[in-house]
Each structure stands twice: as structure tokens, then as C-alpha cells.
Amino acid sequence: MSLPSDNVKGYYDRKSPTYDDYSRQLWSKVYDAITWKITEPYVPRSPQAVVFDAAGGTGKWAIPFAKCGARVVLGDISEGMLKVAKEKIDKEGLRDRVEVKKCDLRKLDFRDEMFDLVFCEHALCFIKEQKQVIKELVRVLKKGHPLIVTGQNRYVMSISLVSENVDYAYDVLSKGKPFFMRNSLDVFTLSPQELKEMLERNEIRIEKIVGKLFTMPLGLSRRRMVAEDCTKELLEKITKIELELSGKPDSLCLGSHLQAVGFRIE
């Protein structure tokens, strides 16, 4: 039987040639806009700074990080995703600013306190050993510097299953049973409190945890979520709603994703 990491690697190896196609869909455009809005203020501008883009895939975030001025190490377990990332990085003329490296987030081959920013977007949910991943991400982060990490919200994932299978929805909610994505991968969810406690136990001072994708999957039909022909006006209006909600602490449980920003305690 394949280990979970092998399943994830195989899935993304297969998806890598078409993975960036998702960026044309409405949900992805909204998600990326919100993620950048939250993340951009913490991205270092100094050419001496080094960012770790953990599970960075095809370079969606590593490229804008590098364009901000920092050097970037993009790590991922999938050779297919890394191949696409290298091609995009070369095309952007950023080979001297972005290093691409195969790595397993559960055991990183980096020295302690190496990075000025550690960024882990939409990857924690595919790894059962989440506590070990957080421990490793904090280990390689310099003291006093930011960690930005996203988890999958257990509450929203369980509610989204109610119309499909009430018993399964209850198990995801009450027992932390993995959410099975696209008949391919287990998704390991967290409550907002669990994410907060996991980070604090690893000496992260949390600045904020915000929700993302409030309008999806509960607010829009799947057909509209994956539409590639949405108007600029619709995209702007949905993004405006998302930004309004993400800034409200009492809306946190409504976002399908939880993005935490914190600093390693000095």
C-alpha cells in the first residue's frame, strides 16, 4: 500500500501538466486575490532575504515573491510540479533568484533558522503528520520572522457534505475523519482552535487567523465556482465580499480555508 505522501506525489505528478489551468476558474481567481492581499505585506524586499515556499508546486507564489526582491527556495515533493515550476521560472528570467528543490515537509533538509519567511499554502491539509510539518517549518524559520500557513476548515468541509452523506459529514466534524477529495486524496481538516493551538505549541506568536473562500463551496454552485468566463465585475464583487468577511474575527468559522500569520518567538 502506498504511503499518503506517495499518493500526494503521484496525484500532483499526474496533474502537473494541467495544474495551472485551475487559475482560470472563478474560485481560484478569488482565492489567489485574497491570499496575496493577506500575504504581500509580509514578503521581504531585501535581496539578502530568503523565502521558503513550502510545497510551492508550479511556482504560483515563488515567482511573485522573487519579483518583490527576495531570494526564494521552492520546495515540493512532486517532480512533475517542480518541472513546470522550473520552466515558468526560466521564462520569467528568475533562475538566479529562485532555487527549486525536491523536499518532504515532514523532514526538511535545511539548517535551523535559515529563512526570513516561511510560506505554506494549501499543502498542510494533504499531510496526516501536520504537527511534524509545523515543527519543521518553524525550525527552519528565523526567530522573530513570519510564518504564513493555510489549513482546511473542518467545520465548512463537514457542512458541505451534509446533502451528500449526513453520517460522513458527522464523522468529519466530530471525529476528524479525513475528507476525501475528488476520489483521490484524503484532506486532513482542522478547526480554527486546533490550528491556533498547533502553532502556539511550536512557539509561534499568532498575529491573525483569517478565513478564505466564504462564498464557496457553500455560497455558489459548483458550476459557477469552476466557470472560466466570469466577468470582471462579478470577480470584483465576490472578492470585495471575501475581503470584508476575512477581516472579521467572528466570521472565521465560515471560511473553507484558514490562513494563519504568526511570528516565531525570539
Protein backbone atom coordinates (compact mmCIF):
# COMPACT_ATOMS: atom_id res chain seq x y z
CA MET A 1 0.00 0.00 0.00
CA SER A 2 1.26 3.47 -0.86
CA LEU A 3 2.02 5.90 1.91
CA PRO A 4 -0.08 9.08 1.96
CA SER A 5 2.93 11.09 0.74
CA ASP A 6 3.24 8.73 -2.23
CA ASN A 7 -0.44 9.26 -3.04
CA VAL A 8 0.02 13.03 -2.93
CA LYS A 9 3.17 12.89 -5.02
CA GLY A 10 1.53 10.67 -7.63
CA TYR A 11 -1.58 12.82 -7.76
CA TYR A 12 0.36 16.01 -8.38
CA ASP A 13 2.77 14.35 -10.80
CA ARG A 14 -0.26 13.42 -12.90
CA LYS A 15 -1.90 16.82 -12.51
CA SER A 16 1.22 18.91 -13.09
CA PRO A 17 0.86 19.44 -16.89
CA THR A 18 -2.61 20.96 -16.43
CA TYR A 19 -2.45 22.18 -12.83
CA ASP A 20 -2.21 25.85 -13.74
CA ASP A 21 -5.46 25.56 -15.69
CA TYR A 22 -7.25 25.89 -12.34
CA SER A 23 -6.07 29.50 -12.17
CA ARG A 24 -8.61 30.41 -14.84
CA GLN A 25 -11.55 29.29 -12.71
CA LEU A 26 -13.56 31.73 -10.62
CA TRP A 27 -12.83 30.13 -7.23
CA SER A 28 -9.09 30.18 -7.91
CA LYS A 29 -9.06 33.80 -9.04
CA VAL A 30 -10.85 34.83 -5.87
CA TYR A 31 -8.72 32.59 -3.65
CA ASP A 32 -5.46 33.87 -5.13
CA ALA A 33 -6.52 37.51 -4.80
CA ILE A 34 -7.37 37.05 -1.12
CA THR A 35 -4.20 35.05 -0.41
CA TRP A 36 -1.98 37.72 -1.97
CA LYS A 37 -3.80 40.51 -0.16
CA ILE A 38 -3.10 38.81 3.18
CA THR A 39 0.45 37.69 2.35
CA GLU A 40 2.01 40.57 0.42
CA PRO A 41 2.70 42.85 3.42
CA TYR A 42 4.94 40.17 4.97
CA VAL A 43 7.05 39.41 1.88
CA PRO A 44 10.63 40.66 2.36
CA ARG A 45 12.03 43.05 -0.26
CA SER A 46 15.70 42.67 0.54
CA PRO A 47 17.84 40.69 -1.94
CA GLN A 48 19.59 39.19 1.09
CA ALA A 49 16.32 37.74 2.45
CA VAL A 50 15.37 34.15 1.68
CA VAL A 51 11.78 32.89 1.49
CA PHE A 52 10.83 29.22 1.74
CA ASP A 53 7.82 28.45 -0.43
CA ALA A 54 6.89 25.12 1.14
CA ALA A 55 5.07 22.77 -1.24
CA GLY A 56 5.31 25.57 -3.78
CA GLY A 57 4.11 23.48 -6.72
CA THR A 58 4.37 25.21 -10.08
CA GLY A 59 5.71 28.47 -8.69
CA LYS A 60 2.46 30.40 -8.36
CA TRP A 61 3.77 32.20 -5.27
CA ALA A 62 7.53 31.79 -5.62
CA ILE A 63 7.54 33.94 -8.76
CA PRO A 64 5.80 36.99 -7.22
CA PHE A 65 7.92 36.59 -4.07
CA ALA A 66 11.07 36.78 -6.20
CA LYS A 67 9.72 39.77 -8.11
CA CYS A 68 9.35 41.56 -4.78
CA GLY A 69 13.12 41.29 -4.41
CA ALA A 70 13.78 38.33 -2.11
CA ARG A 71 15.51 35.10 -2.98
CA VAL A 72 13.21 32.06 -2.87
CA VAL A 73 13.61 28.35 -2.25
CA LEU A 74 10.65 26.49 -3.76
CA GLY A 75 10.30 23.03 -2.26
CA ASP A 76 7.86 20.34 -3.37
CA ILE A 77 7.55 16.55 -3.26
CA SER A 78 6.33 16.23 -6.87
CA GLU A 79 8.92 16.13 -9.65
CA GLY A 80 6.16 16.95 -12.13
CA MET A 81 5.22 20.15 -10.35
CA LEU A 82 8.87 21.13 -9.98
CA LYS A 83 9.46 20.59 -13.69
CA VAL A 84 6.65 23.01 -14.55
CA ALA A 85 7.96 25.47 -11.94
CA LYS A 86 11.43 25.44 -13.48
CA GLU A 87 10.02 26.16 -16.92
CA LYS A 88 7.99 29.11 -15.62
CA ILE A 89 10.89 30.47 -13.58
CA ASP A 90 13.17 30.31 -16.64
CA LYS A 91 10.54 32.05 -18.75
CA GLU A 92 10.32 34.85 -16.17
CA GLY A 93 14.11 35.21 -16.09
CA LEU A 94 14.25 34.42 -12.37
CA ARG A 95 16.58 31.43 -12.33
CA ASP A 96 19.14 33.38 -10.31
CA ARG A 97 16.54 34.25 -7.66
CA VAL A 98 14.53 31.03 -7.27
CA GLU A 99 16.02 27.68 -6.30
CA VAL A 100 13.84 24.64 -6.97
CA LYS A 101 14.31 21.69 -4.65
CA LYS A 102 12.53 18.38 -4.04
CA CYS A 103 11.65 18.01 -0.38
CA ASP A 104 9.32 16.34 2.10
CA LEU A 105 7.82 18.82 4.56
CA ARG A 106 7.86 16.22 7.30
CA LYS A 107 11.69 16.19 7.30
CA LEU A 108 13.32 19.19 5.70
CA ASP A 109 16.93 19.17 4.58
CA PHE A 110 17.64 22.73 5.72
CA ARG A 111 19.60 24.11 8.65
CA ASP A 112 17.87 25.69 11.65
CA GLU A 113 16.76 29.33 11.30
CA MET A 114 17.56 29.57 7.60
CA PHE A 115 14.59 31.54 6.22
CA ASP A 116 13.25 35.07 6.64
CA LEU A 117 9.71 33.98 5.70
CA VAL A 118 8.18 30.51 5.58
CA PHE A 119 5.05 30.27 3.46
CA CYS A 120 2.98 27.08 3.19
CA GLU A 121 -0.16 27.48 1.11
CA HIS A 122 -2.79 24.74 0.63
CA ALA A 123 -0.47 21.84 1.45
CA LEU A 124 -0.86 21.11 5.16
CA CYS A 125 -4.27 19.55 4.51
CA PHE A 126 -2.77 16.74 2.42
CA ILE A 127 -0.36 15.57 5.14
CA LYS A 128 -1.53 13.46 8.05
CA GLU A 129 1.51 14.36 10.17
CA GLN A 130 0.56 18.02 10.43
CA LYS A 131 2.20 18.54 13.81
CA GLN A 132 5.51 17.31 12.44
CA VAL A 133 5.22 19.60 9.41
CA ILE A 134 4.58 22.66 11.59
CA LYS A 135 7.52 21.72 13.80
CA GLU A 136 9.80 21.53 10.76
CA LEU A 137 8.52 24.77 9.23
CA VAL A 138 9.18 26.59 12.50
CA ARG A 139 12.61 25.00 12.91
CA VAL A 140 13.89 26.44 9.62
CA LEU A 141 12.38 29.90 10.28
CA LYS A 142 14.47 32.66 11.83
CA LYS A 143 13.32 33.87 15.24
CA GLY A 144 11.20 36.99 15.04
CA HIS A 145 10.22 36.28 11.44
CA PRO A 146 6.83 35.38 9.92
CA LEU A 147 5.25 32.03 9.22
CA ILE A 148 2.20 32.00 6.94
CA VAL A 149 0.33 28.71 6.69
CA THR A 150 -3.09 27.62 5.45
CA GLY A 151 -5.25 24.79 6.77
CA GLN A 152 -8.58 23.34 5.66
CA ASN A 153 -11.53 24.28 7.88
CA ARG A 154 -13.19 21.18 9.34
CA TYR A 155 -16.46 22.98 10.02
CA VAL A 156 -17.09 24.07 6.44
CA MET A 157 -15.89 20.80 4.96
CA SER A 158 -18.29 18.82 7.14
CA ILE A 159 -21.24 21.09 6.34
CA SER A 160 -20.55 20.79 2.63
CA LEU A 161 -21.07 17.02 2.93
CA VAL A 162 -24.48 17.12 4.62
CA SER A 163 -26.53 16.94 1.41
CA GLU A 164 -24.36 14.06 0.17
CA ASN A 165 -23.92 11.88 3.26
CA VAL A 166 -25.03 13.02 6.71
CA ASP A 167 -23.18 10.26 8.57
CA TYR A 168 -19.95 11.04 6.75
CA ALA A 169 -20.42 14.75 7.48
CA TYR A 170 -20.82 14.00 11.18
CA ASP A 171 -17.69 11.83 11.24
CA VAL A 172 -15.63 14.57 9.60
CA LEU A 173 -16.94 17.11 12.10
CA SER A 174 -16.85 15.15 15.35
CA LYS A 175 -14.08 12.60 14.79
CA GLY A 176 -11.74 14.45 12.46
CA LYS A 177 -12.23 11.83 9.76
CA PRO A 178 -10.41 12.86 6.56
CA PHE A 179 -12.42 14.49 3.81
CA PHE A 180 -11.93 12.50 0.59
CA MET A 181 -11.16 14.84 -2.33
CA ARG A 182 -12.03 14.00 -5.93
CA ASN A 183 -11.77 10.28 -5.22
CA SER A 184 -8.02 10.75 -4.97
CA LEU A 185 -6.69 12.29 -1.77
CA ASP A 186 -7.50 12.44 1.91
CA VAL A 187 -7.89 16.00 3.18
CA PHE A 188 -6.96 16.39 6.84
CA THR A 189 -9.02 19.21 8.29
CA LEU A 190 -8.54 21.43 11.34
CA SER A 191 -10.77 23.59 13.46
CA PRO A 192 -9.63 27.20 13.90
CA GLN A 193 -8.77 26.43 17.52
CA GLU A 194 -6.70 23.38 16.59
CA LEU A 195 -4.68 25.40 14.09
CA LYS A 196 -4.12 28.13 16.68
CA GLU A 197 -3.00 25.68 19.36
CA MET A 198 -0.73 23.77 16.99
CA LEU A 199 1.11 26.96 16.08
CA GLU A 200 1.32 28.28 19.63
CA ARG A 201 2.76 24.97 20.89
CA ASN A 202 5.58 25.49 18.40
CA GLU A 203 6.43 28.97 19.69
CA ILE A 204 4.54 30.94 17.08
CA ARG A 205 3.01 34.21 18.25
CA ILE A 206 -0.12 34.47 16.17
CA GLU A 207 -0.87 37.82 14.64
CA LYS A 208 -4.09 36.73 12.95
CA ILE A 209 -6.02 33.81 11.54
CA VAL A 210 -8.41 34.68 8.75
CA GLY A 211 -10.93 32.72 6.71
CA LYS A 212 -10.82 32.39 2.93
CA LEU A 213 -13.49 31.35 0.44
CA PHE A 214 -16.61 32.18 2.39
CA THR A 215 -18.65 32.34 -0.81
CA MET A 216 -17.51 28.86 -1.85
CA PRO A 217 -18.29 25.98 -1.62
CA LEU A 218 -21.48 26.84 0.26
CA GLY A 219 -22.43 30.10 -1.43
CA LEU A 220 -22.08 29.22 -5.12
CA SER A 221 -22.92 26.18 -7.20
CA ARG A 222 -20.01 24.10 -8.44
CA ARG A 223 -20.84 25.14 -11.98
CA ARG A 224 -20.30 28.80 -11.14
CA MET A 225 -17.26 28.08 -8.96
CA VAL A 226 -15.33 26.49 -11.83
CA ALA A 227 -16.54 28.88 -14.53
CA GLU A 228 -13.73 30.38 -16.60
CA ASP A 229 -15.85 33.04 -18.27
CA CYS A 230 -16.85 35.13 -15.25
CA THR A 231 -17.00 38.85 -15.81
CA LYS A 232 -14.52 41.23 -14.24
CA GLU A 233 -17.42 42.86 -12.42
CA LEU A 234 -18.52 39.59 -10.81
CA LEU A 235 -14.96 38.75 -9.78
CA GLU A 236 -14.51 42.16 -8.18
CA LYS A 237 -17.81 41.94 -6.29
CA ILE A 238 -17.13 38.47 -4.90
CA THR A 239 -13.59 39.45 -3.95
CA LYS A 240 -14.97 42.51 -2.15
CA ILE A 241 -17.32 40.28 -0.14
CA GLU A 242 -14.47 37.90 0.67
CA LEU A 243 -12.21 40.70 1.87
CA GLU A 244 -14.97 42.15 4.01
CA LEU A 245 -15.57 38.79 5.71
CA SER A 246 -11.90 37.84 6.07
CA GLY A 247 -11.30 40.93 8.16
CA LYS A 248 -13.96 39.99 10.75
CA PRO A 249 -12.83 37.69 13.61
CA ASP A 250 -16.37 36.40 14.18
CA SER A 251 -16.61 35.13 10.58
CA LEU A 252 -13.60 32.81 10.88
CA CYS A 253 -15.56 29.55 11.09
CA LEU A 254 -17.33 30.30 7.79
CA GLY A 255 -14.24 30.19 5.56
CA SER A 256 -13.38 26.92 3.86
CA HIS A 257 -9.67 27.71 4.37
CA LEU A 258 -7.87 29.15 7.39
CA GLN A 259 -4.80 31.29 6.78
CA ALA A 260 -2.64 31.95 9.82
CA VAL A 261 0.02 34.62 10.10
CA GLY A 262 2.39 34.48 13.04
CA PHE A 263 5.96 35.15 14.14
CA ARG A 264 8.47 32.81 15.69
CA ILE A 265 9.06 33.90 19.25
CA GLU A 266 12.53 35.30 19.86
